[in-house]
């Protein structure tokens, strides 16, 4: 799925999007804003590369970060909820993971958690695992994040895990 398609689906719903990025360092926001007319539904986002910023900017619980580290599905969900609140957006899309070259918080390179928060407190997850270069992991994360958003918008269903 393309970012243009996802943005079109947001516009059709009258919905908006904000992104919270860790390992991708702004690539998801850049992907969406590369589309002409993105401002109709893309609100903005936060690059929260440092673990403490996940807490101070997005409100990820400090005890969760202390217990699980920054690379965890619940952290991604809290990031997604936090960025939607911060940017006053309908949907919050967040990614956290390990692009390498070294493991982080006991998680191997290629571990990625993607979460999407939506109306009524719904959270959708998608987890990735696998190797590849740093660039490949980051590119795959961007593609999978855009796909998750588009799938949720197309299906218009309740919670999804996958």
Protein backbone atom coordinates (compact mmCIF):
# COMPACT_ATOMS: atom_id res chain seq x y z
CA UNK A 1 0.00 0.00 0.00
CA UNK A 2 1.21 3.48 -0.70
CA UNK A 3 1.27 6.48 1.56
CA UNK A 4 -0.86 8.33 -0.98
CA UNK A 5 -3.56 5.67 -0.70
CA UNK A 6 -3.48 5.78 3.11
CA UNK A 7 -3.74 9.58 3.10
CA UNK A 8 -6.65 9.41 0.67
CA UNK A 9 -8.44 6.98 2.99
CA UNK A 10 -7.87 9.36 5.92
CA UNK A 11 -9.29 12.30 3.94
CA UNK A 12 -12.35 10.27 2.95
CA UNK A 13 -13.01 9.58 6.63
CA UNK A 14 -12.34 13.14 7.71
CA UNK A 15 -9.58 11.72 9.91
CA UNK A 16 -6.08 12.88 10.74
CA UNK A 17 -2.75 11.18 11.45
CA UNK A 18 0.27 11.80 13.67
CA UNK A 19 3.40 9.64 13.84
CA UNK A 20 5.86 8.76 16.59
CA UNK A 21 9.14 7.36 15.36
CA UNK A 22 12.11 5.83 17.04
CA UNK A 23 14.21 3.56 14.81
CA UNK A 24 12.99 5.21 11.59
CA UNK A 25 14.08 8.68 12.71
CA UNK A 26 11.52 10.60 10.66
CA UNK A 27 11.27 8.38 7.57
CA UNK A 28 7.56 7.67 8.09
CA UNK A 29 6.71 11.35 8.39
CA UNK A 30 8.85 12.05 5.33
CA UNK A 31 7.04 9.32 3.41
CA UNK A 32 3.64 10.83 4.15
CA UNK A 33 4.68 14.45 3.58
CA UNK A 34 6.23 13.57 0.22
CA UNK A 35 2.66 13.13 -1.04
CA UNK A 36 1.10 16.25 -2.51
CA UNK A 37 -1.84 17.35 -0.38
CA UNK A 38 -0.64 15.49 2.72
CA UNK A 39 -1.56 18.46 4.89
CA UNK A 40 -5.25 17.60 4.46
CA UNK A 41 -4.81 14.70 6.91
CA UNK A 42 -1.23 14.57 8.22
CA UNK A 43 -0.85 16.59 11.45
CA UNK A 44 2.80 15.98 12.41
CA UNK A 45 4.76 13.84 14.75
CA UNK A 46 7.66 13.26 17.08
CA UNK A 47 11.01 11.62 16.61
CA UNK A 48 11.66 10.03 19.98
CA UNK A 49 14.94 8.27 19.44
CA UNK A 50 16.08 8.59 23.07
CA UNK A 51 14.18 6.38 25.50
CA UNK A 52 13.48 9.18 27.98
CA UNK A 53 11.73 11.21 25.27
CA UNK A 54 9.20 8.43 24.88
CA UNK A 55 8.20 9.22 28.46
CA UNK A 56 8.62 13.00 28.61
CA UNK A 57 7.08 13.86 25.22
CA UNK A 58 4.59 11.06 24.64
CA UNK A 59 3.70 9.94 28.14
CA UNK A 60 4.89 6.35 27.85
CA UNK A 61 4.81 5.14 31.47
CA UNK A 62 8.26 5.27 33.08
CA UNK A 63 7.65 1.97 34.88
CA UNK A 64 6.87 0.27 31.54
CA UNK A 65 10.11 1.59 30.04
CA UNK A 66 12.07 0.52 33.12
CA UNK A 67 10.52 -2.96 33.12
CA UNK A 68 10.46 -3.76 29.38
CA UNK A 69 12.86 -1.33 27.75
CA UNK A 70 12.00 0.82 24.74
CA UNK A 71 11.45 -2.08 22.33
CA UNK A 72 8.13 -3.61 23.36
CA UNK A 73 4.59 -3.78 21.90
CA UNK A 74 3.10 -1.92 24.87
CA UNK A 75 5.65 0.88 24.40
CA UNK A 76 4.65 1.20 20.74
CA UNK A 77 0.97 1.35 21.75
CA UNK A 78 1.64 4.03 24.36
CA UNK A 79 3.69 6.00 21.82
CA UNK A 80 0.83 5.82 19.31
CA UNK A 81 -1.72 7.00 21.85
CA UNK A 82 0.63 9.72 23.09
CA UNK A 83 1.40 11.17 19.68
CA UNK A 84 -2.28 11.23 18.70
CA UNK A 85 -3.01 13.18 21.90
CA UNK A 86 0.01 15.48 21.44
CA UNK A 87 -0.87 16.34 17.85
CA UNK A 88 -4.66 16.22 18.28
CA UNK A 89 -5.03 13.53 15.61
CA UNK A 90 -7.61 10.82 15.03
CA UNK A 91 -4.93 8.16 14.54
CA UNK A 92 -1.45 7.80 16.01
CA UNK A 93 1.07 5.56 14.26
CA UNK A 94 4.20 4.56 16.17
CA UNK A 95 7.27 2.42 15.65
CA UNK A 96 9.99 1.25 18.00
CA UNK A 97 12.62 -1.37 17.40
CA UNK A 98 16.21 -2.37 16.83
CA UNK A 99 17.77 -1.45 13.49
CA UNK A 100 21.28 -2.42 14.58
CA UNK A 101 24.09 -2.89 14.42
CA UNK A 102 23.78 -4.18 18.02
CA UNK A 103 20.93 -5.67 20.06
CA UNK A 104 19.06 -3.31 22.42
CA UNK A 105 17.37 -4.12 25.73
CA UNK A 106 18.03 -7.81 25.06
CA UNK A 107 16.13 -7.66 21.77
CA UNK A 108 17.84 -8.85 18.57
CA UNK A 109 18.46 -6.66 15.55
CA UNK A 110 15.36 -6.65 13.35
CA UNK A 111 12.85 -6.69 16.22
CA UNK A 112 10.23 -4.02 15.47
CA UNK A 113 6.89 -3.15 17.04
CA UNK A 114 4.35 -1.05 15.15
CA UNK A 115 1.18 0.25 16.76
CA UNK A 116 -1.74 2.30 15.53
CA UNK A 117 -4.12 4.02 17.93
CA UNK A 118 -7.51 5.05 16.71
CA UNK A 119 -10.90 6.29 17.82
CA UNK A 120 -12.50 4.81 20.93
CA UNK A 121 -9.17 3.61 22.29
CA UNK A 122 -8.64 0.96 19.65
CA UNK A 123 -5.05 -0.23 19.22
CA UNK A 124 -3.79 -2.32 16.33
CA UNK A 125 -0.37 -4.00 16.41
CA UNK A 126 2.03 -5.44 13.91
CA UNK A 127 5.36 -6.97 14.92
CA UNK A 128 8.35 -7.62 12.68
CA UNK A 129 11.36 -9.83 13.15
CA UNK A 130 14.23 -10.68 10.89
CA UNK A 131 17.60 -9.57 9.82
CA UNK A 132 18.90 -7.41 7.10
CA UNK A 133 20.94 -4.28 7.01
CA UNK A 134 20.05 -1.23 9.06
CA UNK A 135 18.67 0.41 5.91
CA UNK A 136 16.59 -2.65 5.03
CA UNK A 137 15.08 -2.90 8.51
CA UNK A 138 14.18 0.78 8.52
CA UNK A 139 12.67 0.64 5.00
CA UNK A 140 10.66 -2.48 5.86
CA UNK A 141 9.39 -0.76 9.01
CA UNK A 142 8.17 2.26 7.03
CA UNK A 143 6.39 0.03 4.50
CA UNK A 144 4.76 -2.13 7.15
CA UNK A 145 3.63 0.91 9.17
CA UNK A 146 1.99 2.48 6.10
CA UNK A 147 0.39 -0.88 5.28
CA UNK A 148 -1.01 -1.29 8.80
CA UNK A 149 -2.65 2.13 8.63
CA UNK A 150 -4.11 1.47 5.19
CA UNK A 151 -5.43 -1.99 6.16
CA UNK A 152 -7.16 -0.59 9.23
CA UNK A 153 -8.69 2.26 7.25
CA UNK A 154 -9.85 -0.09 4.47
CA UNK A 155 -11.40 -2.71 6.71
CA UNK A 156 -13.01 -0.25 9.14
CA UNK A 157 -13.21 -3.00 11.75
CA UNK A 158 -12.51 -3.16 15.45
CA UNK A 159 -9.26 -4.20 17.05
CA UNK A 160 -6.80 -6.23 15.04
CA UNK A 161 -3.66 -7.95 16.12
CA UNK A 162 -1.13 -9.26 13.73
